[in-house]
Amino acid sequence: MTYVDGFVVAVPTANRAIFKKHAEDAAVIFRDHGALKVVECWGDDVPPGEVTSFPLAVKCKEDETVVFSWVLWADRAARDAGMKRVMEDPRMAPGVNPMPFDGKRMIYGGFEVIVER
């Protein structure tokens, strides 16, 4: 079964075009290092919650939009090796492709796919 890395971030809404460019550049790097697919989704219908929600999880401010992203890998081994190479790739250096959001508020994790149709 495939393996997925998932990410949720709060991006300043004014940075949408900058974020899109950042994500497009990063997607090339992920693909170069074995990712099968990279998907970036700009929040369109992401309601705030009282107890939990995407906006609460990333401490989304009024002038920010929640972005939900995932990277699909062939399996966990491919992800572990690929992610290591992605993090070492000089094209991912902050001076080359800076994150247009507060990375300290990003939530992420790796997930074993258990149902795939």
N, C-alpha and C. Protein backbone atom coordinates (compact mmCIF):
# COMPACT_ATOMS: atom_id res chain seq x y z
N MET A 1 0.83 -1.20 0.00
CA MET A 1 0.00 0.00 0.00
C MET A 1 0.87 1.25 0.00
N THR A 2 0.30 2.33 -0.50
CA THR A 2 1.02 3.59 -0.56
C THR A 2 1.12 4.22 0.82
N TYR A 3 1.89 5.29 0.90
CA TYR A 3 2.13 6.01 2.14
C TYR A 3 1.91 7.49 1.86
N VAL A 4 1.36 8.22 2.83
CA VAL A 4 1.01 9.63 2.64
C VAL A 4 1.61 10.48 3.75
N ASP A 5 2.23 11.59 3.35
CA ASP A 5 2.60 12.63 4.30
C ASP A 5 1.54 13.71 4.18
N GLY A 6 0.95 14.13 5.31
CA GLY A 6 -0.07 15.16 5.30
C GLY A 6 0.41 16.40 6.03
N PHE A 7 -0.03 17.56 5.54
CA PHE A 7 0.38 18.84 6.10
C PHE A 7 -0.81 19.79 6.17
N VAL A 8 -0.89 20.58 7.24
CA VAL A 8 -1.87 21.65 7.35
C VAL A 8 -1.11 22.88 7.84
N VAL A 9 -1.29 24.01 7.13
CA VAL A 9 -0.63 25.26 7.50
C VAL A 9 -1.61 26.42 7.36
N ALA A 10 -1.29 27.50 8.03
CA ALA A 10 -2.03 28.76 7.87
C ALA A 10 -1.13 29.68 7.06
N VAL A 11 -1.62 30.10 5.90
CA VAL A 11 -0.84 30.95 5.00
C VAL A 11 -1.50 32.33 4.93
N PRO A 12 -0.71 33.40 5.07
CA PRO A 12 -1.32 34.72 4.89
C PRO A 12 -2.04 34.77 3.54
N THR A 13 -3.30 35.15 3.58
CA THR A 13 -4.12 35.15 2.37
C THR A 13 -3.48 35.99 1.26
N ALA A 14 -2.83 37.06 1.63
CA ALA A 14 -2.16 37.91 0.64
C ALA A 14 -0.99 37.19 -0.04
N ASN A 15 -0.52 36.10 0.54
CA ASN A 15 0.62 35.35 -0.01
C ASN A 15 0.19 34.19 -0.91
N ARG A 16 -1.06 34.16 -1.35
CA ARG A 16 -1.53 33.02 -2.14
C ARG A 16 -0.63 32.75 -3.36
N ALA A 17 -0.34 33.76 -4.15
CA ALA A 17 0.48 33.57 -5.35
C ALA A 17 1.90 33.15 -4.98
N ILE A 18 2.44 33.75 -3.93
CA ILE A 18 3.79 33.39 -3.47
C ILE A 18 3.79 31.95 -2.99
N PHE A 19 2.75 31.57 -2.22
CA PHE A 19 2.66 30.19 -1.74
C PHE A 19 2.55 29.22 -2.91
N LYS A 20 1.74 29.55 -3.90
CA LYS A 20 1.57 28.66 -5.05
C LYS A 20 2.91 28.41 -5.74
N LYS A 21 3.70 29.46 -5.93
CA LYS A 21 5.02 29.32 -6.55
C LYS A 21 5.93 28.45 -5.67
N HIS A 22 5.91 28.71 -4.37
CA HIS A 22 6.70 27.92 -3.41
C HIS A 22 6.30 26.44 -3.51
N ALA A 23 5.01 26.18 -3.53
CA ALA A 23 4.51 24.81 -3.58
C ALA A 23 4.85 24.13 -4.91
N GLU A 24 4.75 24.87 -6.01
CA GLU A 24 5.11 24.30 -7.32
C GLU A 24 6.58 23.93 -7.36
N ASP A 25 7.43 24.81 -6.83
CA ASP A 25 8.87 24.53 -6.80
C ASP A 25 9.17 23.33 -5.90
N ALA A 26 8.54 23.28 -4.73
CA ALA A 26 8.76 22.16 -3.81
C ALA A 26 8.25 20.85 -4.40
N ALA A 27 7.13 20.90 -5.12
CA ALA A 27 6.57 19.68 -5.72
C ALA A 27 7.56 19.04 -6.69
N VAL A 28 8.27 19.84 -7.43
CA VAL A 28 9.29 19.31 -8.36
C VAL A 28 10.35 18.55 -7.57
N ILE A 29 10.77 19.13 -6.46
CA ILE A 29 11.80 18.50 -5.63
C ILE A 29 11.29 17.19 -5.04
N PHE A 30 10.07 17.19 -4.51
CA PHE A 30 9.50 15.97 -3.97
C PHE A 30 9.42 14.89 -5.04
N ARG A 31 8.95 15.25 -6.23
CA ARG A 31 8.85 14.29 -7.33
C ARG A 31 10.23 13.78 -7.73
N ASP A 32 11.23 14.68 -7.76
CA ASP A 32 12.60 14.27 -8.09
C ASP A 32 13.14 13.22 -7.12
N HIS A 33 12.60 13.22 -5.90
CA HIS A 33 13.10 12.30 -4.88
C HIS A 33 12.11 11.17 -4.56
N GLY A 34 11.22 10.89 -5.50
CA GLY A 34 10.41 9.68 -5.38
C GLY A 34 8.94 9.83 -5.08
N ALA A 35 8.49 11.03 -4.78
CA ALA A 35 7.05 11.20 -4.52
C ALA A 35 6.27 10.88 -5.80
N LEU A 36 5.16 10.20 -5.63
CA LEU A 36 4.30 9.86 -6.76
C LEU A 36 3.38 11.01 -7.14
N LYS A 37 2.98 11.78 -6.12
CA LYS A 37 2.02 12.86 -6.34
C LYS A 37 2.15 13.87 -5.21
N VAL A 38 1.98 15.15 -5.54
CA VAL A 38 1.97 16.22 -4.55
C VAL A 38 0.71 17.04 -4.78
N VAL A 39 -0.08 17.23 -3.73
CA VAL A 39 -1.34 17.97 -3.84
C VAL A 39 -1.36 19.09 -2.82
N GLU A 40 -1.66 20.30 -3.28
CA GLU A 40 -1.78 21.48 -2.42
C GLU A 40 -3.19 22.03 -2.58
N CYS A 41 -3.89 22.22 -1.47
CA CYS A 41 -5.30 22.67 -1.52
C CYS A 41 -5.48 23.94 -0.70
N TRP A 42 -5.95 24.99 -1.36
CA TRP A 42 -6.21 26.28 -0.71
C TRP A 42 -7.59 26.23 -0.07
N GLY A 43 -7.69 26.52 1.22
CA GLY A 43 -8.96 26.45 1.94
C GLY A 43 -10.05 27.30 1.32
N ASP A 44 -11.21 26.70 1.17
CA ASP A 44 -12.35 27.36 0.55
C ASP A 44 -13.57 27.29 1.46
N ASP A 45 -13.70 26.20 2.19
CA ASP A 45 -14.83 25.98 3.09
C ASP A 45 -14.28 25.27 4.33
N VAL A 46 -13.60 26.05 5.18
CA VAL A 46 -12.91 25.50 6.34
C VAL A 46 -13.45 26.20 7.59
N PRO A 47 -14.54 25.69 8.14
CA PRO A 47 -15.17 26.39 9.26
C PRO A 47 -14.35 26.32 10.54
N PRO A 48 -14.42 27.39 11.33
CA PRO A 48 -13.75 27.36 12.63
C PRO A 48 -14.55 26.45 13.57
N GLY A 49 -13.88 25.85 14.49
CA GLY A 49 -14.57 24.99 15.45
C GLY A 49 -14.52 25.59 16.84
N GLU A 50 -15.29 25.00 17.72
CA GLU A 50 -15.26 25.44 19.11
C GLU A 50 -14.28 24.62 19.92
N VAL A 51 -14.16 23.35 19.58
CA VAL A 51 -13.27 22.45 20.31
C VAL A 51 -12.04 22.12 19.47
N THR A 52 -12.28 21.77 18.20
CA THR A 52 -11.17 21.45 17.30
C THR A 52 -11.57 21.75 15.86
N SER A 53 -10.60 22.08 15.05
CA SER A 53 -10.83 22.37 13.63
C SER A 53 -9.47 22.61 12.99
N PHE A 54 -9.45 22.66 11.68
CA PHE A 54 -8.21 23.00 10.99
C PHE A 54 -7.73 24.39 11.42
N PRO A 55 -8.61 25.42 11.40
CA PRO A 55 -8.13 26.75 11.80
C PRO A 55 -7.56 26.79 13.22
N LEU A 56 -8.23 26.11 14.15
CA LEU A 56 -7.73 26.08 15.52
C LEU A 56 -6.39 25.36 15.61
N ALA A 57 -6.26 24.27 14.87
CA ALA A 57 -5.04 23.46 14.95
C ALA A 57 -3.80 24.23 14.54
N VAL A 58 -3.94 25.12 13.56
CA VAL A 58 -2.78 25.89 13.07
C VAL A 58 -2.80 27.35 13.54
N LYS A 59 -3.70 27.64 14.49
CA LYS A 59 -3.82 29.00 15.03
C LYS A 59 -3.99 30.02 13.91
N CYS A 60 -4.91 29.72 13.01
CA CYS A 60 -5.16 30.56 11.83
C CYS A 60 -5.69 31.93 12.26
N LYS A 61 -5.07 32.97 11.73
CA LYS A 61 -5.49 34.34 12.02
C LYS A 61 -6.50 34.79 10.96
N GLU A 62 -7.16 35.92 11.21
CA GLU A 62 -8.20 36.40 10.29
C GLU A 62 -7.70 36.68 8.89
N ASP A 63 -6.44 37.06 8.78
CA ASP A 63 -5.89 37.38 7.46
C ASP A 63 -5.13 36.20 6.85
N GLU A 64 -5.43 34.99 7.32
CA GLU A 64 -4.77 33.78 6.83
C GLU A 64 -5.80 32.79 6.29
N THR A 65 -5.32 31.87 5.47
CA THR A 65 -6.15 30.81 4.91
C THR A 65 -5.49 29.47 5.22
N VAL A 66 -6.30 28.48 5.56
CA VAL A 66 -5.79 27.15 5.83
C VAL A 66 -5.47 26.45 4.51
N VAL A 67 -4.30 25.83 4.46
CA VAL A 67 -3.88 25.04 3.30
C VAL A 67 -3.69 23.61 3.78
N PHE A 68 -4.26 22.68 3.03
CA PHE A 68 -4.18 21.25 3.32
C PHE A 68 -3.42 20.60 2.17
N SER A 69 -2.38 19.86 2.48
CA SER A 69 -1.51 19.30 1.45
C SER A 69 -1.18 17.85 1.77
N TRP A 70 -0.88 17.11 0.71
CA TRP A 70 -0.36 15.77 0.95
C TRP A 70 0.58 15.35 -0.16
N VAL A 71 1.47 14.43 0.22
CA VAL A 71 2.45 13.87 -0.70
C VAL A 71 2.25 12.37 -0.68
N LEU A 72 2.08 11.78 -1.85
CA LEU A 72 1.87 10.34 -1.98
C LEU A 72 3.18 9.66 -2.35
N TRP A 73 3.51 8.61 -1.63
CA TRP A 73 4.73 7.83 -1.85
C TRP A 73 4.35 6.38 -2.12
N ALA A 74 5.23 5.63 -2.73
CA ALA A 74 4.98 4.21 -3.03
C ALA A 74 4.79 3.40 -1.75
N ASP A 75 5.58 3.71 -0.73
CA ASP A 75 5.50 3.00 0.55
C ASP A 75 6.31 3.79 1.58
N ARG A 76 6.32 3.30 2.81
CA ARG A 76 7.02 4.00 3.90
C ARG A 76 8.52 4.09 3.62
N ALA A 77 9.12 3.04 3.10
CA ALA A 77 10.56 3.05 2.82
C ALA A 77 10.89 4.11 1.78
N ALA A 78 10.07 4.22 0.75
CA ALA A 78 10.29 5.24 -0.28
C ALA A 78 10.15 6.63 0.32
N ARG A 79 9.19 6.80 1.22
CA ARG A 79 8.99 8.09 1.88
C ARG A 79 10.17 8.45 2.76
N ASP A 80 10.63 7.49 3.57
CA ASP A 80 11.75 7.78 4.48
C ASP A 80 12.99 8.20 3.69
N ALA A 81 13.31 7.45 2.65
CA ALA A 81 14.49 7.76 1.83
C ALA A 81 14.27 9.07 1.06
N GLY A 82 13.10 9.21 0.46
CA GLY A 82 12.81 10.41 -0.33
C GLY A 82 12.77 11.66 0.51
N MET A 83 12.13 11.61 1.66
CA MET A 83 12.02 12.79 2.52
C MET A 83 13.40 13.22 3.02
N LYS A 84 14.26 12.26 3.32
CA LYS A 84 15.64 12.59 3.72
C LYS A 84 16.33 13.36 2.60
N ARG A 85 16.19 12.87 1.37
CA ARG A 85 16.83 13.55 0.23
C ARG A 85 16.20 14.92 -0.01
N VAL A 86 14.89 15.04 0.16
CA VAL A 86 14.21 16.34 -0.01
C VAL A 86 14.79 17.34 0.98
N MET A 87 14.91 16.95 2.24
CA MET A 87 15.40 17.87 3.27
C MET A 87 16.85 18.26 3.05
N GLU A 88 17.63 17.40 2.38
CA GLU A 88 19.04 17.70 2.09
C GLU A 88 19.22 18.43 0.77
N ASP A 89 18.18 18.51 -0.04
CA ASP A 89 18.28 19.12 -1.36
C ASP A 89 18.50 20.63 -1.22
N PRO A 90 19.56 21.16 -1.85
CA PRO A 90 19.82 22.61 -1.72
C PRO A 90 18.70 23.48 -2.27
N ARG A 91 17.85 22.94 -3.13
CA ARG A 91 16.73 23.73 -3.65
C ARG A 91 15.67 24.00 -2.58
N MET A 92 15.73 23.26 -1.46
CA MET A 92 14.78 23.47 -0.37
C MET A 92 15.32 24.43 0.69
N ALA A 93 16.53 24.92 0.52
CA ALA A 93 17.12 25.83 1.50
C ALA A 93 16.26 27.08 1.65
N PRO A 94 16.12 27.59 2.87
CA PRO A 94 15.29 28.77 3.10
C PRO A 94 15.63 29.97 2.21
N GLY A 95 16.89 30.14 1.88
CA GLY A 95 17.28 31.25 1.02
C GLY A 95 16.90 31.06 -0.43
N VAL A 96 16.65 29.80 -0.81
CA VAL A 96 16.30 29.48 -2.19
C VAL A 96 14.79 29.42 -2.37
N ASN A 97 14.10 28.73 -1.46
CA ASN A 97 12.64 28.57 -1.54
C ASN A 97 12.04 28.79 -0.15
N PRO A 98 12.04 30.06 0.32
CA PRO A 98 11.55 30.33 1.68
C PRO A 98 10.06 30.03 1.84
N MET A 99 9.71 29.55 3.03
CA MET A 99 8.30 29.27 3.31
C MET A 99 7.55 30.59 3.50
N PRO A 100 6.48 30.81 2.74
CA PRO A 100 5.72 32.06 2.89
C PRO A 100 4.63 31.93 3.95
N PHE A 101 4.96 31.28 5.05
CA PHE A 101 4.04 31.07 6.17
C PHE A 101 4.87 30.74 7.40
N ASP A 102 4.23 30.71 8.56
CA ASP A 102 4.91 30.40 9.81
C ASP A 102 5.02 28.88 9.97
N GLY A 103 6.18 28.35 9.68
CA GLY A 103 6.39 26.91 9.74
C GLY A 103 6.23 26.32 11.14
N LYS A 104 6.31 27.14 12.17
CA LYS A 104 6.14 26.65 13.54
C LYS A 104 4.70 26.23 13.82
N ARG A 105 3.76 26.73 13.00
CA ARG A 105 2.36 26.38 13.19
C ARG A 105 1.89 25.29 12.21
N MET A 106 2.81 24.71 11.48
CA MET A 106 2.46 23.64 10.55
C MET A 106 2.26 22.34 11.33
N ILE A 107 1.22 21.60 10.94
CA ILE A 107 1.03 20.26 11.50
C ILE A 107 1.32 19.29 10.37
N TYR A 108 1.98 18.21 10.69
CA TYR A 108 2.31 17.23 9.65
C TYR A 108 2.44 15.85 10.26
N GLY A 109 2.35 14.86 9.43
CA GLY A 109 2.53 13.49 9.89
C GLY A 109 2.53 12.54 8.71
N GLY A 110 3.03 11.35 8.96
CA GLY A 110 3.04 10.29 7.96
C GLY A 110 1.95 9.28 8.27
N PHE A 111 1.31 8.79 7.21
CA PHE A 111 0.15 7.92 7.37
C PHE A 111 0.24 6.70 6.47
N GLU A 112 0.03 5.55 7.07
CA GLU A 112 -0.06 4.31 6.31
C GLU A 112 -1.46 4.24 5.72
N VAL A 113 -1.55 4.05 4.43
CA VAL A 113 -2.87 3.94 3.76
C VAL A 113 -3.44 2.57 4.09
N ILE A 114 -4.68 2.54 4.60
CA ILE A 114 -5.32 1.26 4.93
C ILE A 114 -6.50 0.95 4.04
N VAL A 115 -7.03 1.96 3.35
CA VAL A 115 -8.09 1.75 2.34
C VAL A 115 -7.76 2.65 1.16
N GLU A 116 -7.72 2.09 -0.02
CA GLU A 116 -7.45 2.87 -1.23
C GLU A 116 -8.26 2.26 -2.36
N ARG A 117 -9.18 3.01 -2.90
CA ARG A 117 -10.05 2.50 -3.98
C ARG A 117 -9.82 3.28 -5.25
